[in-house]
């Protein structure tokens, strides 16, 4: 019975590590797409858009945080 529990724990650990690696890889791909795309985004003015004043607003707008 102890071996069954250890096997189950090991399987859960491997699954959790795999999920973390997958999320890290997805985040890395996402950041590669964001780096270098800031060229002229700030110059475009949208008439219905509120001006962003704070750092948080800018991060939310540019990076979806």
C-alpha atoms as a PDB file:
ATOM      1  CA  UNK A   1       0.000   0.000   0.000  1.00  0.00           C
ATOM      2  CA  UNK A   2       2.865   2.397   0.770  1.00  0.00           C
ATOM      3  CA  UNK A   3       4.312   1.798  -2.682  1.00  0.00           C
ATOM      4  CA  UNK A   4       0.968   2.629  -4.271  1.00  0.00           C
ATOM      5  CA  UNK A   5       0.871   5.929  -2.399  1.00  0.00           C
ATOM      6  CA  UNK A   6       4.438   6.760  -3.358  1.00  0.00           C
ATOM      7  CA  UNK A   7       3.696   5.907  -6.980  1.00  0.00           C
ATOM      8  CA  UNK A   8       0.611   8.142  -6.915  1.00  0.00           C
ATOM      9  CA  UNK A   9       2.555  11.012  -5.327  1.00  0.00           C
ATOM     10  CA  UNK A  10       5.328  10.632  -7.911  1.00  0.00           C
ATOM     11  CA  UNK A  11       2.783  10.700 -10.736  1.00  0.00           C
ATOM     12  CA  UNK A  12       1.153  13.841  -9.334  1.00  0.00           C
ATOM     13  CA  UNK A  13       4.544  15.532  -8.977  1.00  0.00           C
ATOM     14  CA  UNK A  14       5.487  14.712 -12.559  1.00  0.00           C
ATOM     15  CA  UNK A  15       2.139  16.003 -13.815  1.00  0.00           C
ATOM     16  CA  UNK A  16       2.491  19.256 -11.857  1.00  0.00           C
ATOM     17  CA  UNK A  17       6.031  19.800 -13.144  1.00  0.00           C
ATOM     18  CA  UNK A  18       4.882  19.113 -16.698  1.00  0.00           C
ATOM     19  CA  UNK A  19       2.062  21.649 -16.353  1.00  0.00           C
ATOM     20  CA  UNK A  20       4.462  24.269 -14.980  1.00  0.00           C
ATOM     21  CA  UNK A  21       6.899  23.716 -17.832  1.00  0.00           C
ATOM     22  CA  UNK A  22       4.093  24.031 -20.355  1.00  0.00           C
ATOM     23  CA  UNK A  23       2.938  27.348 -18.833  1.00  0.00           C
ATOM     24  CA  UNK A  24       6.516  28.654 -18.758  1.00  0.00           C
ATOM     25  CA  UNK A  25       6.994  27.765 -22.424  1.00  0.00           C
ATOM     26  CA  UNK A  26       3.694  29.435 -23.368  1.00  0.00           C
ATOM     27  CA  UNK A  27       4.702  32.569 -21.461  1.00  0.00           C
ATOM     28  CA  UNK A  28       8.082  32.592 -23.196  1.00  0.00           C
ATOM     29  CA  UNK A  29       6.434  32.377 -26.616  1.00  0.00           C
ATOM     30  CA  UNK A  30       4.030  35.154 -25.663  1.00  0.00           C
ATOM     31  CA  UNK A  31       6.838  37.465 -24.526  1.00  0.00           C
ATOM     32  CA  UNK A  32       8.796  36.850 -27.731  1.00  0.00           C
ATOM     33  CA  UNK A  33       5.807  38.232 -29.611  1.00  0.00           C
ATOM     34  CA  UNK A  34       5.630  41.299 -27.376  1.00  0.00           C
ATOM     35  CA  UNK A  35       9.309  42.236 -27.453  1.00  0.00           C
ATOM     36  CA  UNK A  36      10.020  44.629 -30.284  1.00  0.00           C
ATOM     37  CA  UNK A  37       6.381  45.437 -31.056  1.00  0.00           C
ATOM     38  CA  UNK A  38       6.420  48.756 -29.189  1.00  0.00           C
ATOM     39  CA  UNK A  39       7.641  50.758 -32.200  1.00  0.00           C
ATOM     40  CA  UNK A  40       4.737  53.123 -32.919  1.00  0.00           C
ATOM     41  CA  UNK A  41       1.922  51.906 -30.699  1.00  0.00           C
ATOM     42  CA  UNK A  42       1.965  55.060 -28.579  1.00  0.00           C
ATOM     43  CA  UNK A  43       1.556  57.404 -31.559  1.00  0.00           C
ATOM     44  CA  UNK A  44      -1.790  55.908 -32.613  1.00  0.00           C
ATOM     45  CA  UNK A  45      -4.645  57.903 -31.099  1.00  0.00           C
ATOM     46  CA  UNK A  46      -8.061  56.323 -30.668  1.00  0.00           C
ATOM     47  CA  UNK A  47     -10.848  58.896 -30.193  1.00  0.00           C
ATOM     48  CA  UNK A  48     -12.963  56.761 -27.828  1.00  0.00           C
ATOM     49  CA  UNK A  49     -10.047  55.638 -25.679  1.00  0.00           C
ATOM     50  CA  UNK A  50      -9.412  57.151 -22.267  1.00  0.00           C
ATOM     51  CA  UNK A  51      -5.853  58.347 -21.716  1.00  0.00           C
ATOM     52  CA  UNK A  52      -3.864  56.027 -19.500  1.00  0.00           C
ATOM     53  CA  UNK A  53      -2.224  57.916 -16.683  1.00  0.00           C
ATOM     54  CA  UNK A  54      -0.613  55.377 -14.395  1.00  0.00           C
ATOM     55  CA  UNK A  55       1.943  52.646 -14.704  1.00  0.00           C
ATOM     56  CA  UNK A  56      -0.668  49.990 -14.012  1.00  0.00           C
ATOM     57  CA  UNK A  57      -2.882  51.264 -16.806  1.00  0.00           C
ATOM     58  CA  UNK A  58      -0.006  51.204 -19.263  1.00  0.00           C
ATOM     59  CA  UNK A  59       0.957  47.650 -18.277  1.00  0.00           C
ATOM     60  CA  UNK A  60      -2.637  46.471 -18.580  1.00  0.00           C
ATOM     61  CA  UNK A  61      -2.980  48.054 -21.990  1.00  0.00           C
ATOM     62  CA  UNK A  62       0.308  46.886 -23.472  1.00  0.00           C
ATOM     63  CA  UNK A  63       0.790  43.503 -21.876  1.00  0.00           C
ATOM     64  CA  UNK A  64      -2.647  42.404 -20.739  1.00  0.00           C
ATOM     65  CA  UNK A  65      -1.658  42.226 -17.085  1.00  0.00           C
END
